[in-house]
């Protein structure tokens, strides 16, 4: 599982990047979500890697 935290505002970001963050569920700065570690999630992370912080967490 991956813990993803939004650390930079998407206000000046490309609309495609903003849409990616919305689809991941990140709407406010410092909000964290936990998503499964799969190729789909990794692709989303790669697109917005300059706006987020990613940590590995164990399944709860």
C-alpha atoms as a PDB file:
ATOM      1  CA  UNK A   1       0.000   0.000   0.000  1.00  0.00           C
ATOM      2  CA  UNK A   2       1.146   3.541  -0.704  1.00  0.00           C
ATOM      3  CA  UNK A   3       0.432   6.625   1.390  1.00  0.00           C
ATOM      4  CA  UNK A   4       0.240   9.642  -0.917  1.00  0.00           C
ATOM      5  CA  UNK A   5       0.218  13.196   0.452  1.00  0.00           C
ATOM      6  CA  UNK A   6      -0.434  16.364  -1.528  1.00  0.00           C
ATOM      7  CA  UNK A   7       2.390  18.778  -0.618  1.00  0.00           C
ATOM      8  CA  UNK A   8       2.154  21.424  -3.329  1.00  0.00           C
ATOM      9  CA  UNK A   9      -0.861  23.325  -4.617  1.00  0.00           C
ATOM     10  CA  UNK A  10      -2.185  22.221  -8.018  1.00  0.00           C
ATOM     11  CA  UNK A  11      -3.447  25.745  -8.820  1.00  0.00           C
ATOM     12  CA  UNK A  12      -0.772  26.454 -11.446  1.00  0.00           C
ATOM     13  CA  UNK A  13      -0.587  22.871 -12.674  1.00  0.00           C
ATOM     14  CA  UNK A  14      -1.626  21.596 -16.087  1.00  0.00           C
ATOM     15  CA  UNK A  15      -5.354  20.698 -16.184  1.00  0.00           C
ATOM     16  CA  UNK A  16      -4.472  17.046 -16.842  1.00  0.00           C
ATOM     17  CA  UNK A  17      -2.432  16.946 -13.618  1.00  0.00           C
ATOM     18  CA  UNK A  18      -5.253  18.577 -11.655  1.00  0.00           C
ATOM     19  CA  UNK A  19      -7.665  15.967 -12.997  1.00  0.00           C
ATOM     20  CA  UNK A  20      -5.268  13.189 -11.967  1.00  0.00           C
ATOM     21  CA  UNK A  21      -5.128  14.534  -8.406  1.00  0.00           C
ATOM     22  CA  UNK A  22      -8.938  14.805  -8.280  1.00  0.00           C
ATOM     23  CA  UNK A  23      -9.316  11.208  -9.451  1.00  0.00           C
ATOM     24  CA  UNK A  24      -6.881  10.055  -6.750  1.00  0.00           C
ATOM     25  CA  UNK A  25      -8.965  11.870  -4.130  1.00  0.00           C
ATOM     26  CA  UNK A  26      -6.462  14.606  -3.292  1.00  0.00           C
ATOM     27  CA  UNK A  27      -8.237  17.929  -2.967  1.00  0.00           C
ATOM     28  CA  UNK A  28      -6.467  19.823  -0.149  1.00  0.00           C
ATOM     29  CA  UNK A  29      -2.814  20.332   0.735  1.00  0.00           C
ATOM     30  CA  UNK A  30      -1.473  17.916   3.385  1.00  0.00           C
ATOM     31  CA  UNK A  31      -4.367  15.501   2.826  1.00  0.00           C
ATOM     32  CA  UNK A  32      -3.200  11.885   2.662  1.00  0.00           C
ATOM     33  CA  UNK A  33      -4.751   8.867   1.026  1.00  0.00           C
ATOM     34  CA  UNK A  34      -3.795   5.211   0.963  1.00  0.00           C
ATOM     35  CA  UNK A  35      -3.959   3.452  -2.383  1.00  0.00           C
ATOM     36  CA  UNK A  36      -2.889  -0.027  -3.509  1.00  0.00           C
ATOM     37  CA  UNK A  37       0.528  -0.398  -5.102  1.00  0.00           C
ATOM     38  CA  UNK A  38      -0.309  -1.383  -8.667  1.00  0.00           C
ATOM     39  CA  UNK A  39       0.689  -0.199 -12.168  1.00  0.00           C
ATOM     40  CA  UNK A  40      -2.335   2.118 -12.440  1.00  0.00           C
ATOM     41  CA  UNK A  41      -1.497   3.951  -9.224  1.00  0.00           C
ATOM     42  CA  UNK A  42       2.196   4.085 -10.139  1.00  0.00           C
ATOM     43  CA  UNK A  43       1.288   5.741 -13.459  1.00  0.00           C
ATOM     44  CA  UNK A  44      -0.779   8.396 -11.690  1.00  0.00           C
ATOM     45  CA  UNK A  45       2.057   9.029  -9.237  1.00  0.00           C
ATOM     46  CA  UNK A  46       4.510   9.432 -12.115  1.00  0.00           C
ATOM     47  CA  UNK A  47       2.315  12.127 -13.694  1.00  0.00           C
ATOM     48  CA  UNK A  48       2.095  14.304 -10.567  1.00  0.00           C
ATOM     49  CA  UNK A  49       5.307  13.347  -8.756  1.00  0.00           C
ATOM     50  CA  UNK A  50       6.318  17.012  -8.387  1.00  0.00           C
ATOM     51  CA  UNK A  51       3.157  17.772  -6.340  1.00  0.00           C
ATOM     52  CA  UNK A  52       3.026  14.791  -3.984  1.00  0.00           C
ATOM     53  CA  UNK A  53       5.019  12.804  -1.436  1.00  0.00           C
ATOM     54  CA  UNK A  54       4.814   9.003  -1.502  1.00  0.00           C
ATOM     55  CA  UNK A  55       5.541   6.576   1.338  1.00  0.00           C
ATOM     56  CA  UNK A  56       5.134   2.819   1.577  1.00  0.00           C
ATOM     57  CA  UNK A  57       2.919   1.593   4.402  1.00  0.00           C
ATOM     58  CA  UNK A  58       1.949  -1.860   5.537  1.00  0.00           C
ATOM     59  CA  UNK A  59      -1.610  -3.010   5.062  1.00  0.00           C
ATOM     60  CA  UNK A  60      -3.847  -2.293   8.010  1.00  0.00           C
END
